[in-house]
Amino acid sequence: MKHIEKRIKLIAILLILLTLAACSFTDSSSGLLSVHVLDVGQADSILILTPNQRSILIDAGEASNAAAVVSYLKKSGVEKIDILVGTHPHSDHIGGLSQVIEEFEIGSFYMPAKLHTTATFEKLLLTAEKKEIKINTAKKGIVLSLDDDLQLNFLSPISDDYDNLNDWSAVLRLRYKDKTFLFTGDAEALLENELIQEYGGPYLKSDYLKVPHHGSSTSSTQTFLDAVSPDIAVFSLGRNNSYGFPHKEVLGRYEEAGILFYRTDLQGTIVVESDGTEIWSSLKPINLK
């Protein structure tokens, strides 16, 4: 009998220790920021989960990607999207947003004040209206504080007379403690130069860069890369896409600058995490020898 009682006590102690260990693990992981560049083919969709599990979604790919984006968000534990951003009206960025709005509670929704005449854009406006979601104007100067030590800044659009729809892209700068992340939509050379003139290199300097415009030669100018000078970069693009992205000269610029990079066309969804002092991923950069 005493032997049985002793075993019960040992089991009880073991259960307590396991519970404490589980709690310790949860507490230690709560200080992490995670950035997910989803594999949505020749399109863009980026999920950011803050240390307090608030969520930011930047773009949602084409309409054909919507189900996959929604599924990924749900599997990641997202119930509410605190900040939703459509960087610009091209379908490979906003096509999936209508279904996202249908499926999730939305905190704040931002898009540039640029109208577009496509059915995809009109559907998005109608869906937001039906769900009574206000569309806030994405523009320079907007600052959003989400968690302690975490701030999201809208750097663009800077002006209101761009000829190229890509240059309407809402460029976002996320700072978490000592680390900065730059999300660029489809910004091309004109907007890259505007960003440098408006903010200067020291402010644009970022540890992480979402490569502009899928690695097109119309973006990632040498001047821009010199200003941002990221440690790591992520290309979001489709395998064997018809545009030939990423262009060889662009890859060359990243290689020559010593920037480690990842590619969704070759590696699938790219997830990085940060505790505010370091950034890491379970994946190996494509160009790490």
C-alpha atoms as a PDB file:
ATOM      1  CA  MET A   1       0.000   0.000   0.000  1.00  0.00           C
ATOM      2  CA  LYS A   2       2.806   2.385   0.925  1.00  0.00           C
ATOM      3  CA  HIS A   3       4.517   1.483  -2.339  1.00  0.00           C
ATOM      4  CA  ILE A   4       1.378   2.470  -4.302  1.00  0.00           C
ATOM      5  CA  GLU A   5       1.022   5.752  -2.365  1.00  0.00           C
ATOM      6  CA  LYS A   6       4.660   6.567  -3.088  1.00  0.00           C
ATOM      7  CA  ARG A   7       4.125   5.956  -6.803  1.00  0.00           C
ATOM      8  CA  ILE A   8       1.035   8.196  -6.799  1.00  0.00           C
ATOM      9  CA  LYS A   9       3.001  10.986  -5.101  1.00  0.00           C
ATOM     10  CA  LEU A  10       5.815  10.643  -7.653  1.00  0.00           C
ATOM     11  CA  ILE A  11       3.321  10.792 -10.533  1.00  0.00           C
ATOM     12  CA  ALA A  12       1.710  13.896  -8.996  1.00  0.00           C
ATOM     13  CA  ILE A  13       5.098  15.609  -8.646  1.00  0.00           C
ATOM     14  CA  LEU A  14       5.962  14.701 -12.236  1.00  0.00           C
ATOM     15  CA  LEU A  15       2.687  16.195 -13.505  1.00  0.00           C
ATOM     16  CA  ILE A  16       3.370  19.411 -11.590  1.00  0.00           C
ATOM     17  CA  LEU A  17       6.868  19.647 -13.062  1.00  0.00           C
ATOM     18  CA  LEU A  18       5.536  19.054 -16.575  1.00  0.00           C
ATOM     19  CA  THR A  19       2.915  21.776 -16.080  1.00  0.00           C
ATOM     20  CA  LEU A  20       5.538  24.242 -14.859  1.00  0.00           C
ATOM     21  CA  ALA A  21       7.772  23.393 -17.817  1.00  0.00           C
ATOM     22  CA  ALA A  22       4.901  23.976 -20.232  1.00  0.00           C
ATOM     23  CA  CYS A  23       4.130  27.339 -18.640  1.00  0.00           C
ATOM     24  CA  SER A  24       7.807  28.287 -18.812  1.00  0.00           C
ATOM     25  CA  PHE A  25       7.911  27.414 -22.517  1.00  0.00           C
ATOM     26  CA  THR A  26       4.792  29.504 -23.223  1.00  0.00           C
ATOM     27  CA  ASP A  27       6.221  32.504 -21.386  1.00  0.00           C
ATOM     28  CA  SER A  28       9.559  32.299 -23.198  1.00  0.00           C
ATOM     29  CA  SER A  29       7.919  32.139 -26.625  1.00  0.00           C
ATOM     30  CA  SER A  30       5.583  35.085 -25.994  1.00  0.00           C
ATOM     31  CA  GLY A  31       8.359  37.594 -26.712  1.00  0.00           C
ATOM     32  CA  LEU A  32       8.750  36.594 -30.353  1.00  0.00           C
ATOM     33  CA  LEU A  33       7.705  38.413 -33.491  1.00  0.00           C
ATOM     34  CA  SER A  34       7.133  36.213 -36.537  1.00  0.00           C
ATOM     35  CA  VAL A  35       6.987  37.286 -40.188  1.00  0.00           C
ATOM     36  CA  HIS A  36       5.488  34.865 -42.717  1.00  0.00           C
ATOM     37  CA  VAL A  37       5.926  35.509 -46.433  1.00  0.00           C
ATOM     38  CA  LEU A  38       3.342  33.125 -47.823  1.00  0.00           C
ATOM     39  CA  ASP A  39       3.940  31.019 -50.887  1.00  0.00           C
ATOM     40  CA  VAL A  40       1.174  32.418 -53.099  1.00  0.00           C
ATOM     41  CA  GLY A  41       2.921  31.970 -56.441  1.00  0.00           C
ATOM     42  CA  GLN A  42       3.448  35.117 -58.507  1.00  0.00           C
ATOM     43  CA  ALA A  43       1.808  37.313 -55.881  1.00  0.00           C
ATOM     44  CA  ASP A  44       2.301  38.777 -52.395  1.00  0.00           C
ATOM     45  CA  SER A  45       0.859  37.992 -48.984  1.00  0.00           C
ATOM     46  CA  ILE A  46       2.626  38.611 -45.682  1.00  0.00           C
ATOM     47  CA  LEU A  47       1.393  37.691 -42.210  1.00  0.00           C
ATOM     48  CA  ILE A  48       2.988  39.293 -39.166  1.00  0.00           C
ATOM     49  CA  LEU A  49       2.240  37.951 -35.687  1.00  0.00           C
ATOM     50  CA  THR A  50       3.289  40.191 -32.826  1.00  0.00           C
ATOM     51  CA  PRO A  51       4.593  38.999 -29.446  1.00  0.00           C
ATOM     52  CA  ASN A  52       1.109  39.498 -27.974  1.00  0.00           C
ATOM     53  CA  GLN A  53      -0.427  37.570 -30.883  1.00  0.00           C
ATOM     54  CA  ARG A  54      -1.897  40.531 -32.658  1.00  0.00           C
ATOM     55  CA  SER A  55      -1.919  40.101 -36.400  1.00  0.00           C
ATOM     56  CA  ILE A  56      -1.047  42.219 -39.421  1.00  0.00           C
ATOM     57  CA  LEU A  57      -1.828  41.024 -42.936  1.00  0.00           C
ATOM     58  CA  ILE A  58      -0.195  42.786 -45.871  1.00  0.00           C
ATOM     59  CA  ASP A  59      -1.905  41.759 -49.136  1.00  0.00           C
ATOM     60  CA  ALA A  60      -3.542  38.401 -49.857  1.00  0.00           C
ATOM     61  CA  GLY A  61      -2.406  37.341 -53.324  1.00  0.00           C
ATOM     62  CA  GLU A  62      -4.761  36.663 -56.235  1.00  0.00           C
ATOM     63  CA  ALA A  63      -8.384  35.609 -55.756  1.00  0.00           C
ATOM     64  CA  SER A  64      -7.214  32.063 -56.558  1.00  0.00           C
ATOM     65  CA  ASN A  65      -4.932  32.239 -53.501  1.00  0.00           C
ATOM     66  CA  ALA A  66      -7.679  33.339 -51.103  1.00  0.00           C
ATOM     67  CA  ALA A  67      -8.606  29.901 -49.740  1.00  0.00           C
ATOM     68  CA  ALA A  68      -4.956  29.037 -49.077  1.00  0.00           C
ATOM     69  CA  VAL A  69      -4.333  32.376 -47.348  1.00  0.00           C
ATOM     70  CA  VAL A  70      -7.426  31.995 -45.164  1.00  0.00           C
ATOM     71  CA  SER A  71      -6.437  28.421 -44.285  1.00  0.00           C
ATOM     72  CA  TYR A  72      -2.892  29.485 -43.357  1.00  0.00           C
ATOM     73  CA  LEU A  73      -4.180  32.275 -41.127  1.00  0.00           C
ATOM     74  CA  LYS A  74      -6.564  29.941 -39.310  1.00  0.00           C
ATOM     75  CA  LYS A  75      -3.873  27.299 -38.819  1.00  0.00           C
ATOM     76  CA  SER A  76      -1.675  30.073 -37.378  1.00  0.00           C
ATOM     77  CA  GLY A  77      -4.330  30.794 -34.768  1.00  0.00           C
ATOM     78  CA  VAL A  78      -5.537  34.060 -36.289  1.00  0.00           C
ATOM     79  CA  GLU A  79      -9.120  34.932 -35.324  1.00  0.00           C
ATOM     80  CA  LYS A  80      -8.942  38.689 -35.855  1.00  0.00           C
ATOM     81  CA  ILE A  81      -6.767  40.689 -38.237  1.00  0.00           C
ATOM     82  CA  ASP A  82      -5.857  43.781 -36.263  1.00  0.00           C
ATOM     83  CA  ILE A  83      -4.329  45.614 -39.226  1.00  0.00           C
ATOM     84  CA  LEU A  84      -5.098  44.765 -42.843  1.00  0.00           C
ATOM     85  CA  VAL A  85      -3.187  46.452 -45.663  1.00  0.00           C
ATOM     86  CA  GLY A  86      -3.717  46.318 -49.407  1.00  0.00           C
ATOM     87  CA  THR A  87      -0.488  47.835 -50.681  1.00  0.00           C
ATOM     88  CA  HIS A  88      -1.877  48.841 -54.103  1.00  0.00           C
ATOM     89  CA  PRO A  89      -4.767  47.811 -56.382  1.00  0.00           C
ATOM     90  CA  HIS A  90      -3.081  45.158 -58.548  1.00  0.00           C
ATOM     91  CA  SER A  91      -4.906  41.822 -58.370  1.00  0.00           C
ATOM     92  CA  ASP A  92      -1.825  39.850 -57.269  1.00  0.00           C
ATOM     93  CA  HIS A  93      -1.895  41.870 -54.050  1.00  0.00           C
ATOM     94  CA  ILE A  94      -5.590  42.506 -53.336  1.00  0.00           C
ATOM     95  CA  GLY A  95      -7.308  39.600 -55.117  1.00  0.00           C
ATOM     96  CA  GLY A  96      -7.652  37.502 -51.971  1.00  0.00           C
ATOM     97  CA  LEU A  97      -8.631  40.344 -49.640  1.00  0.00           C
ATOM     98  CA  SER A  98     -12.378  40.044 -50.260  1.00  0.00           C
ATOM     99  CA  GLN A  99     -12.485  36.495 -48.905  1.00  0.00           C
ATOM    100  CA  VAL A 100     -10.199  37.437 -46.016  1.00  0.00           C
ATOM    101  CA  ILE A 101     -12.643  40.199 -45.053  1.00  0.00           C
ATOM    102  CA  GLU A 102     -15.523  37.736 -45.284  1.00  0.00           C
ATOM    103  CA  GLU A 103     -13.787  35.196 -43.020  1.00  0.00           C
ATOM    104  CA  PHE A 104     -12.201  37.349 -40.291  1.00  0.00           C
ATOM    105  CA  GLU A 105     -12.973  40.202 -37.975  1.00  0.00           C
ATOM    106  CA  ILE A 106     -10.979  43.208 -39.190  1.00  0.00           C
ATOM    107  CA  GLY A 107      -9.595  45.872 -36.865  1.00  0.00           C
ATOM    108  CA  SER A 108      -8.304  48.554 -39.236  1.00  0.00           C
ATOM    109  CA  PHE A 109      -8.077  48.381 -43.036  1.00  0.00           C
ATOM    110  CA  TYR A 110      -5.672  50.554 -45.054  1.00  0.00           C
ATOM    111  CA  MET A 111      -5.242  51.101 -48.803  1.00  0.00           C
ATOM    112  CA  PRO A 112      -3.789  53.954 -50.866  1.00  0.00           C
ATOM    113  CA  ALA A 113      -6.312  56.481 -52.197  1.00  0.00           C
ATOM    114  CA  LYS A 114      -5.998  55.187 -55.741  1.00  0.00           C
ATOM    115  CA  LEU A 115      -9.072  53.994 -57.619  1.00  0.00           C
ATOM    116  CA  HIS A 116      -8.886  51.156 -60.110  1.00  0.00           C
ATOM    117  CA  THR A 117     -11.503  49.980 -62.583  1.00  0.00           C
ATOM    118  CA  THR A 118     -11.022  46.211 -62.363  1.00  0.00           C
ATOM    119  CA  ALA A 119     -13.710  43.808 -61.175  1.00  0.00           C
ATOM    120  CA  THR A 120     -11.315  42.622 -58.452  1.00  0.00           C
ATOM    121  CA  PHE A 121     -10.968  46.124 -57.021  1.00  0.00           C
ATOM    122  CA  GLU A 122     -14.699  46.823 -57.239  1.00  0.00           C
ATOM    123  CA  LYS A 123     -15.494  43.542 -55.489  1.00  0.00           C
ATOM    124  CA  LEU A 124     -13.129  44.462 -52.663  1.00  0.00           C
ATOM    125  CA  LEU A 125     -14.839  47.833 -52.168  1.00  0.00           C
ATOM    126  CA  LEU A 126     -18.278  46.207 -52.158  1.00  0.00           C
ATOM    127  CA  THR A 127     -17.182  43.519 -49.680  1.00  0.00           C
ATOM    128  CA  ALA A 128     -15.744  46.115 -47.299  1.00  0.00           C
ATOM    129  CA  GLU A 129     -18.953  48.162 -47.577  1.00  0.00           C
ATOM    130  CA  LYS A 130     -21.138  45.127 -46.923  1.00  0.00           C
ATOM    131  CA  LYS A 131     -19.113  44.251 -43.825  1.00  0.00           C
ATOM    132  CA  GLU A 132     -19.196  47.920 -42.752  1.00  0.00           C
ATOM    133  CA  ILE A 133     -15.409  48.138 -42.742  1.00  0.00           C
ATOM    134  CA  LYS A 134     -13.973  51.608 -43.201  1.00  0.00           C
ATOM    135  CA  ILE A 135     -11.086  51.882 -45.654  1.00  0.00           C
ATOM    136  CA  ASN A 136      -8.437  54.177 -44.164  1.00  0.00           C
ATOM    137  CA  THR A 137      -6.083  55.975 -46.523  1.00  0.00           C
ATOM    138  CA  ALA A 138      -2.597  54.489 -46.498  1.00  0.00           C
ATOM    139  CA  LYS A 139      -0.106  57.349 -46.751  1.00  0.00           C
ATOM    140  CA  LYS A 140       3.143  58.622 -45.286  1.00  0.00           C
ATOM    141  CA  GLY A 141       3.078  59.716 -41.671  1.00  0.00           C
ATOM    142  CA  ILE A 142       0.720  57.100 -40.222  1.00  0.00           C
ATOM    143  CA  VAL A 143       2.180  55.554 -37.073  1.00  0.00           C
ATOM    144  CA  LEU A 144       0.586  52.581 -35.319  1.00  0.00           C
ATOM    145  CA  SER A 145       1.737  51.166 -31.980  1.00  0.00           C
ATOM    146  CA  LEU A 146       0.682  47.574 -31.446  1.00  0.00           C
ATOM    147  CA  ASP A 147       2.679  46.051 -28.610  1.00  0.00           C
ATOM    148  CA  ASP A 148       5.319  47.324 -26.238  1.00  0.00           C
ATOM    149  CA  ASP A 149       8.489  48.094 -28.224  1.00  0.00           C
ATOM    150  CA  LEU A 150       6.679  47.509 -31.536  1.00  0.00           C
ATOM    151  CA  GLN A 151       5.721  50.257 -34.001  1.00  0.00           C
ATOM    152  CA  LEU A 152       4.430  50.229 -37.570  1.00  0.00           C
ATOM    153  CA  ASN A 153       5.095  53.253 -39.797  1.00  0.00           C
ATOM    154  CA  PHE A 154       3.571  53.961 -43.207  1.00  0.00           C
ATOM    155  CA  LEU A 155       6.304  55.549 -45.344  1.00  0.00           C
ATOM    156  CA  SER A 156       4.271  55.932 -48.532  1.00  0.00           C
ATOM    157  CA  PRO A 157       2.475  56.864 -50.746  1.00  0.00           C
ATOM    158  CA  ILE A 158       4.377  60.133 -50.504  1.00  0.00           C
ATOM    159  CA  SER A 159       2.617  62.054 -53.283  1.00  0.00           C
ATOM    160  CA  ASP A 160      -0.682  61.651 -55.146  1.00  0.00           C
ATOM    161  CA  ASP A 161       0.243  61.809 -58.820  1.00  0.00           C
ATOM    162  CA  TYR A 162       2.026  58.569 -59.712  1.00  0.00           C
ATOM    163  CA  ASP A 163       1.612  57.333 -63.274  1.00  0.00           C
ATOM    164  CA  ASN A 164       2.682  53.793 -62.450  1.00  0.00           C
ATOM    165  CA  LEU A 165       0.295  51.898 -60.170  1.00  0.00           C
ATOM    166  CA  ASN A 166       3.249  50.113 -58.544  1.00  0.00           C
ATOM    167  CA  ASP A 167       4.569  53.405 -57.205  1.00  0.00           C
ATOM    168  CA  TRP A 168       1.349  53.850 -55.234  1.00  0.00           C
ATOM    169  CA  SER A 169       2.552  50.977 -53.047  1.00  0.00           C
ATOM    170  CA  ALA A 170       2.184  51.446 -49.305  1.00  0.00           C
ATOM    171  CA  VAL A 171       5.700  50.866 -47.950  1.00  0.00           C
ATOM    172  CA  LEU A 172       5.734  49.868 -44.277  1.00  0.00           C
ATOM    173  CA  ARG A 173       8.504  49.973 -41.708  1.00  0.00           C
ATOM    174  CA  LEU A 174       8.102  47.752 -38.642  1.00  0.00           C
ATOM    175  CA  ARG A 175      10.379  48.234 -35.659  1.00  0.00           C
ATOM    176  CA  TYR A 176      10.576  45.685 -32.860  1.00  0.00           C
ATOM    177  CA  LYS A 177      13.078  46.683 -30.181  1.00  0.00           C
ATOM    178  CA  ASP A 178      16.455  46.802 -31.987  1.00  0.00           C
ATOM    179  CA  LYS A 179      15.318  45.214 -35.266  1.00  0.00           C
ATOM    180  CA  THR A 180      13.612  46.813 -38.254  1.00  0.00           C
ATOM    181  CA  PHE A 181      11.646  45.239 -41.113  1.00  0.00           C
ATOM    182  CA  LEU A 182      10.810  46.936 -44.421  1.00  0.00           C
ATOM    183  CA  PHE A 183       7.849  45.815 -46.551  1.00  0.00           C
ATOM    184  CA  THR A 184       7.823  47.380 -49.997  1.00  0.00           C
ATOM    185  CA  GLY A 185       4.902  46.103 -52.077  1.00  0.00           C
ATOM    186  CA  ASP A 186       5.755  46.635 -55.752  1.00  0.00           C
ATOM    187  CA  ALA A 187       7.735  49.858 -55.270  1.00  0.00           C
ATOM    188  CA  GLU A 188       9.775  50.714 -58.340  1.00  0.00           C
ATOM    189  CA  ALA A 189      12.784  52.975 -58.853  1.00  0.00           C
ATOM    190  CA  LEU A 190      10.808  56.223 -58.706  1.00  0.00           C
ATOM    191  CA  LEU A 191       9.307  55.417 -55.300  1.00  0.00           C
ATOM    192  CA  GLU A 192      12.595  53.993 -54.026  1.00  0.00           C
ATOM    193  CA  ASN A 193      14.276  57.326 -54.839  1.00  0.00           C
ATOM    194  CA  GLU A 194      11.428  59.246 -53.198  1.00  0.00           C
ATOM    195  CA  LEU A 195      11.854  57.189 -50.039  1.00  0.00           C
ATOM    196  CA  ILE A 196      15.564  57.991 -49.928  1.00  0.00           C
ATOM    197  CA  GLN A 197      14.919  61.705 -50.457  1.00  0.00           C
ATOM    198  CA  GLU A 198      12.100  61.790 -47.901  1.00  0.00           C
ATOM    199  CA  TYR A 199      13.691  59.769 -45.090  1.00  0.00           C
ATOM    200  CA  GLY A 200      17.390  59.327 -45.776  1.00  0.00           C
ATOM    201  CA  GLY A 201      19.521  56.217 -45.507  1.00  0.00           C
ATOM    202  CA  PRO A 202      19.843  56.053 -41.706  1.00  0.00           C
ATOM    203  CA  TYR A 203      16.073  55.802 -41.231  1.00  0.00           C
ATOM    204  CA  LEU A 204      15.551  53.368 -44.110  1.00  0.00           C
ATOM    205  CA  LYS A 205      18.316  51.084 -42.831  1.00  0.00           C
ATOM    206  CA  SER A 206      16.604  47.779 -42.059  1.00  0.00           C
ATOM    207  CA  ASP A 207      17.647  44.346 -40.920  1.00  0.00           C
ATOM    208  CA  TYR A 208      14.974  42.630 -43.043  1.00  0.00           C
ATOM    209  CA  LEU A 209      13.700  43.557 -46.509  1.00  0.00           C
ATOM    210  CA  LYS A 210      10.761  42.140 -48.429  1.00  0.00           C
ATOM    211  CA  VAL A 211      12.214  42.553 -51.928  1.00  0.00           C
ATOM    212  CA  PRO A 212      10.281  45.115 -54.018  1.00  0.00           C
ATOM    213  CA  HIS A 213       8.228  43.962 -57.017  1.00  0.00           C
ATOM    214  CA  HIS A 214       9.137  40.264 -56.902  1.00  0.00           C
ATOM    215  CA  GLY A 215      12.773  40.919 -57.874  1.00  0.00           C
ATOM    216  CA  SER A 216      12.090  42.950 -61.016  1.00  0.00           C
ATOM    217  CA  SER A 217      14.937  44.943 -62.571  1.00  0.00           C
ATOM    218  CA  THR A 218      12.683  48.019 -62.308  1.00  0.00           C
ATOM    219  CA  SER A 219      13.243  47.901 -58.530  1.00  0.00           C
ATOM    220  CA  SER A 220      16.002  47.128 -56.014  1.00  0.00           C
ATOM    221  CA  THR A 221      18.208  49.869 -57.417  1.00  0.00           C
ATOM    222  CA  GLN A 222      21.757  49.948 -56.133  1.00  0.00           C
ATOM    223  CA  THR A 223      21.071  53.284 -54.410  1.00  0.00           C
ATOM    224  CA  PHE A 224      18.089  51.803 -52.597  1.00  0.00           C
ATOM    225  CA  LEU A 225      19.962  48.686 -51.493  1.00  0.00           C
ATOM    226  CA  ASP A 226      22.817  50.857 -50.246  1.00  0.00           C
ATOM    227  CA  ALA A 227      20.346  52.899 -48.188  1.00  0.00           C
ATOM    228  CA  VAL A 228      18.432  49.935 -46.729  1.00  0.00           C
ATOM    229  CA  SER A 229      21.488  47.685 -46.399  1.00  0.00           C
ATOM    230  CA  PRO A 230      19.543  44.667 -45.070  1.00  0.00           C
ATOM    231  CA  ASP A 231      21.104  41.590 -43.554  1.00  0.00           C
ATOM    232  CA  ILE A 232      18.433  39.341 -45.057  1.00  0.00           C
ATOM    233  CA  ALA A 233      15.835  39.709 -47.815  1.00  0.00           C
ATOM    234  CA  VAL A 234      12.876  37.668 -49.041  1.00  0.00           C
ATOM    235  CA  PHE A 235      11.742  37.341 -52.656  1.00  0.00           C
ATOM    236  CA  SER A 236       8.042  36.572 -53.108  1.00  0.00           C
ATOM    237  CA  LEU A 237       7.440  35.146 -56.577  1.00  0.00           C
ATOM    238  CA  GLY A 238       6.151  32.192 -58.583  1.00  0.00           C
ATOM    239  CA  ARG A 239       8.265  29.332 -59.840  1.00  0.00           C
ATOM    240  CA  ASN A 240       9.132  29.678 -63.561  1.00  0.00           C
ATOM    241  CA  ASN A 241       6.967  32.796 -63.808  1.00  0.00           C
ATOM    242  CA  SER A 242       6.411  34.392 -67.220  1.00  0.00           C
ATOM    243  CA  TYR A 243       8.148  37.636 -66.197  1.00  0.00           C
ATOM    244  CA  GLY A 244      11.508  35.998 -65.614  1.00  0.00           C
ATOM    245  CA  PHE A 245      11.587  37.198 -61.990  1.00  0.00           C
ATOM    246  CA  PRO A 246      13.894  37.457 -60.186  1.00  0.00           C
ATOM    247  CA  HIS A 247      15.995  39.176 -62.839  1.00  0.00           C
ATOM    248  CA  LYS A 248      19.649  38.152 -62.919  1.00  0.00           C
ATOM    249  CA  GLU A 249      20.970  41.671 -62.452  1.00  0.00           C
ATOM    250  CA  VAL A 250      18.870  42.062 -59.306  1.00  0.00           C
ATOM    251  CA  LEU A 251      20.141  38.794 -57.834  1.00  0.00           C
ATOM    252  CA  GLY A 252      23.624  40.041 -58.638  1.00  0.00           C
ATOM    253  CA  ARG A 253      23.098  43.228 -56.638  1.00  0.00           C
ATOM    254  CA  TYR A 254      21.966  41.287 -53.587  1.00  0.00           C
ATOM    255  CA  GLU A 255      24.863  38.836 -53.936  1.00  0.00           C
ATOM    256  CA  GLU A 256      27.469  41.589 -54.328  1.00  0.00           C
ATOM    257  CA  ALA A 257      26.080  43.434 -51.304  1.00  0.00           C
ATOM    258  CA  GLY A 258      26.450  40.281 -49.193  1.00  0.00           C
ATOM    259  CA  ILE A 259      22.707  40.142 -48.443  1.00  0.00           C
ATOM    260  CA  LEU A 260      21.440  36.682 -47.526  1.00  0.00           C
ATOM    261  CA  PHE A 261      18.125  35.952 -49.213  1.00  0.00           C
ATOM    262  CA  TYR A 262      15.221  33.524 -49.371  1.00  0.00           C
ATOM    263  CA  ARG A 263      12.851  32.733 -52.272  1.00  0.00           C
ATOM    264  CA  THR A 264       9.269  31.509 -52.024  1.00  0.00           C
ATOM    265  CA  ASP A 265       9.458  29.979 -55.512  1.00  0.00           C
ATOM    266  CA  LEU A 266      12.223  27.631 -54.369  1.00  0.00           C
ATOM    267  CA  GLN A 267      11.556  27.292 -50.630  1.00  0.00           C
ATOM    268  CA  GLY A 268       7.821  27.805 -50.153  1.00  0.00           C
ATOM    269  CA  THR A 269       6.529  29.967 -47.313  1.00  0.00           C
ATOM    270  CA  ILE A 270       9.358  31.806 -45.554  1.00  0.00           C
ATOM    271  CA  VAL A 271       9.032  32.323 -41.796  1.00  0.00           C
ATOM    272  CA  VAL A 272      11.467  34.351 -39.736  1.00  0.00           C
ATOM    273  CA  GLU A 273      11.290  35.082 -36.027  1.00  0.00           C
ATOM    274  CA  SER A 274      12.811  37.770 -33.878  1.00  0.00           C
ATOM    275  CA  ASP A 275      13.169  38.518 -30.191  1.00  0.00           C
ATOM    276  CA  GLY A 276      14.049  42.116 -31.008  1.00  0.00           C
ATOM    277  CA  THR A 277      17.790  41.541 -30.825  1.00  0.00           C
ATOM    278  CA  GLU A 278      18.243  38.733 -33.377  1.00  0.00           C
ATOM    279  CA  ILE A 279      16.404  37.457 -36.469  1.00  0.00           C
ATOM    280  CA  TRP A 280      16.447  33.787 -37.461  1.00  0.00           C
ATOM    281  CA  SER A 281      14.689  31.150 -39.548  1.00  0.00           C
ATOM    282  CA  SER A 282      14.589  27.374 -39.623  1.00  0.00           C
ATOM    283  CA  LEU A 283      15.319  27.655 -43.347  1.00  0.00           C
ATOM    284  CA  LYS A 284      18.748  28.267 -44.813  1.00  0.00           C
ATOM    285  CA  PRO A 285      19.184  31.309 -47.087  1.00  0.00           C
ATOM    286  CA  ILE A 286      19.428  30.279 -50.743  1.00  0.00           C
ATOM    287  CA  ASN A 287      22.792  31.967 -51.220  1.00  0.00           C
ATOM    288  CA  LEU A 288      24.434  30.899 -47.947  1.00  0.00           C
ATOM    289  CA  LYS A 289      27.503  28.906 -48.996  1.00  0.00           C
END
